[in-house]
Amino acid sequence: MPTISTWLWLAWAGGVAVVIVWFAIMEGIALINGSSPDTFSQLVWHQRLPAVVLFLGAGLIVFGTIWLLIHFVSGGKWGI
């Protein structure tokens, strides 16, 4: 089984960290504003299931793109 370079793991971890920080900032801004129901928490806990589907779909697209990046950069050695 081929190994993935350390720099590629670091790039992937950096991308995940950017997404987490972005989510925290956007959720924080919406919570501070307080008047608009546009936080992830409010959409999920008020049983708006289409919002859950939206966020899960977005997550699949983001992490699928990261997986494709790893797959193609490694020359097809990782993944299907």
C-alpha atoms as a PDB file:
ATOM      1  CA  MET A   1       0.000   0.000   0.000  1.00  0.00           C
ATOM      2  CA  PRO A   2       1.482   3.371  -0.986  1.00  0.00           C
ATOM      3  CA  THR A   3       1.974   6.054   1.609  1.00  0.00           C
ATOM      4  CA  ILE A   4       0.749   9.628   1.419  1.00  0.00           C
ATOM      5  CA  SER A   5       3.367  12.340   1.861  1.00  0.00           C
ATOM      6  CA  THR A   6       3.408  14.306   5.091  1.00  0.00           C
ATOM      7  CA  TRP A   7       2.833  17.573   3.234  1.00  0.00           C
ATOM      8  CA  LEU A   8      -0.371  16.185   1.752  1.00  0.00           C
ATOM      9  CA  TRP A   9      -1.690  15.192   5.176  1.00  0.00           C
ATOM     10  CA  LEU A  10      -0.787  18.658   6.463  1.00  0.00           C
ATOM     11  CA  ALA A  11      -2.565  20.297   3.510  1.00  0.00           C
ATOM     12  CA  TRP A  12      -5.669  18.211   4.184  1.00  0.00           C
ATOM     13  CA  ALA A  13      -5.569  19.013   7.907  1.00  0.00           C
ATOM     14  CA  GLY A  14      -5.114  22.702   7.079  1.00  0.00           C
ATOM     15  CA  GLY A  15      -8.162  22.613   4.812  1.00  0.00           C
ATOM     16  CA  VAL A  16     -10.251  20.964   7.503  1.00  0.00           C
ATOM     17  CA  ALA A  17      -9.049  23.551  10.055  1.00  0.00           C
ATOM     18  CA  VAL A  18     -10.028  26.398   7.714  1.00  0.00           C
ATOM     19  CA  VAL A  19     -13.529  24.938   7.294  1.00  0.00           C
ATOM     20  CA  ILE A  20     -13.948  24.521  11.065  1.00  0.00           C
ATOM     21  CA  VAL A  21     -12.750  28.069  11.791  1.00  0.00           C
ATOM     22  CA  TRP A  22     -14.995  29.465   9.035  1.00  0.00           C
ATOM     23  CA  PHE A  23     -17.996  27.610  10.457  1.00  0.00           C
ATOM     24  CA  ALA A  24     -17.239  28.855  13.998  1.00  0.00           C
ATOM     25  CA  ILE A  25     -16.925  32.467  12.805  1.00  0.00           C
ATOM     26  CA  MET A  26     -20.137  32.370  10.755  1.00  0.00           C
ATOM     27  CA  GLU A  27     -22.067  30.659  13.563  1.00  0.00           C
ATOM     28  CA  GLY A  28     -20.674  33.182  16.056  1.00  0.00           C
ATOM     29  CA  ILE A  29     -21.670  36.178  13.930  1.00  0.00           C
ATOM     30  CA  ALA A  30     -25.211  34.843  13.546  1.00  0.00           C
ATOM     31  CA  LEU A  31     -25.499  34.133  17.282  1.00  0.00           C
ATOM     32  CA  ILE A  32     -24.248  37.633  18.161  1.00  0.00           C
ATOM     33  CA  ASN A  33     -26.805  39.230  15.821  1.00  0.00           C
ATOM     34  CA  GLY A  34     -29.488  37.121  17.476  1.00  0.00           C
ATOM     35  CA  SER A  35     -32.426  38.419  15.475  1.00  0.00           C
ATOM     36  CA  SER A  36     -32.038  36.287  12.375  1.00  0.00           C
ATOM     37  CA  PRO A  37     -32.640  32.516  12.434  1.00  0.00           C
ATOM     38  CA  ASP A  38     -29.708  31.691  10.197  1.00  0.00           C
ATOM     39  CA  THR A  39     -27.435  29.669  12.454  1.00  0.00           C
ATOM     40  CA  PHE A  40     -26.915  25.968  11.947  1.00  0.00           C
ATOM     41  CA  SER A  41     -28.238  25.300  15.456  1.00  0.00           C
ATOM     42  CA  GLN A  42     -31.451  27.211  14.863  1.00  0.00           C
ATOM     43  CA  LEU A  43     -32.079  25.525  11.525  1.00  0.00           C
ATOM     44  CA  VAL A  44     -31.533  22.045  12.941  1.00  0.00           C
ATOM     45  CA  TRP A  45     -33.239  22.372  16.320  1.00  0.00           C
ATOM     46  CA  HIS A  46     -36.337  24.023  14.906  1.00  0.00           C
ATOM     47  CA  GLN A  47     -36.825  20.872  12.815  1.00  0.00           C
ATOM     48  CA  ARG A  48     -36.200  22.363   9.428  1.00  0.00           C
ATOM     49  CA  LEU A  49     -35.048  19.136   7.863  1.00  0.00           C
ATOM     50  CA  PRO A  50     -34.241  20.661   4.454  1.00  0.00           C
ATOM     51  CA  ALA A  51     -31.540  22.684   6.239  1.00  0.00           C
ATOM     52  CA  VAL A  52     -30.056  19.492   7.653  1.00  0.00           C
ATOM     53  CA  VAL A  53     -30.016  18.003   4.161  1.00  0.00           C
ATOM     54  CA  LEU A  54     -28.406  21.198   2.845  1.00  0.00           C
ATOM     55  CA  PHE A  55     -25.604  21.135   5.403  1.00  0.00           C
ATOM     56  CA  LEU A  56     -24.984  17.400   5.023  1.00  0.00           C
ATOM     57  CA  GLY A  57     -24.881  17.787   1.242  1.00  0.00           C
ATOM     58  CA  ALA A  58     -22.445  20.683   1.510  1.00  0.00           C
ATOM     59  CA  GLY A  59     -20.253  18.616   3.814  1.00  0.00           C
ATOM     60  CA  LEU A  60     -20.260  15.729   1.364  1.00  0.00           C
ATOM     61  CA  ILE A  61     -19.270  18.056  -1.473  1.00  0.00           C
ATOM     62  CA  VAL A  62     -16.426  19.640   0.531  1.00  0.00           C
ATOM     63  CA  PHE A  63     -14.965  16.390   1.833  1.00  0.00           C
ATOM     64  CA  GLY A  64     -15.543  14.664  -1.506  1.00  0.00           C
ATOM     65  CA  THR A  65     -13.509  17.415  -3.157  1.00  0.00           C
ATOM     66  CA  ILE A  66     -10.735  16.975  -0.594  1.00  0.00           C
ATOM     67  CA  TRP A  67     -10.769  13.230  -1.229  1.00  0.00           C
ATOM     68  CA  LEU A  68     -10.526  13.805  -4.989  1.00  0.00           C
ATOM     69  CA  LEU A  69      -7.586  16.150  -4.414  1.00  0.00           C
ATOM     70  CA  ILE A  70      -5.763  13.463  -2.439  1.00  0.00           C
ATOM     71  CA  HIS A  71      -6.681  10.838  -5.025  1.00  0.00           C
ATOM     72  CA  PHE A  72      -5.408  12.776  -8.039  1.00  0.00           C
ATOM     73  CA  VAL A  73      -2.327  14.262  -6.366  1.00  0.00           C
ATOM     74  CA  SER A  74      -1.246  10.775  -5.304  1.00  0.00           C
ATOM     75  CA  GLY A  75      -1.595   9.602  -8.899  1.00  0.00           C
ATOM     76  CA  GLY A  76      -4.640   7.421  -8.249  1.00  0.00           C
ATOM     77  CA  LYS A  77      -2.890   5.340  -5.602  1.00  0.00           C
ATOM     78  CA  TRP A  78      -5.398   6.292  -2.897  1.00  0.00           C
ATOM     79  CA  GLY A  79      -9.092   5.773  -3.175  1.00  0.00           C
ATOM     80  CA  ILE A  80     -11.317   4.016  -5.652  1.00  0.00           C
END
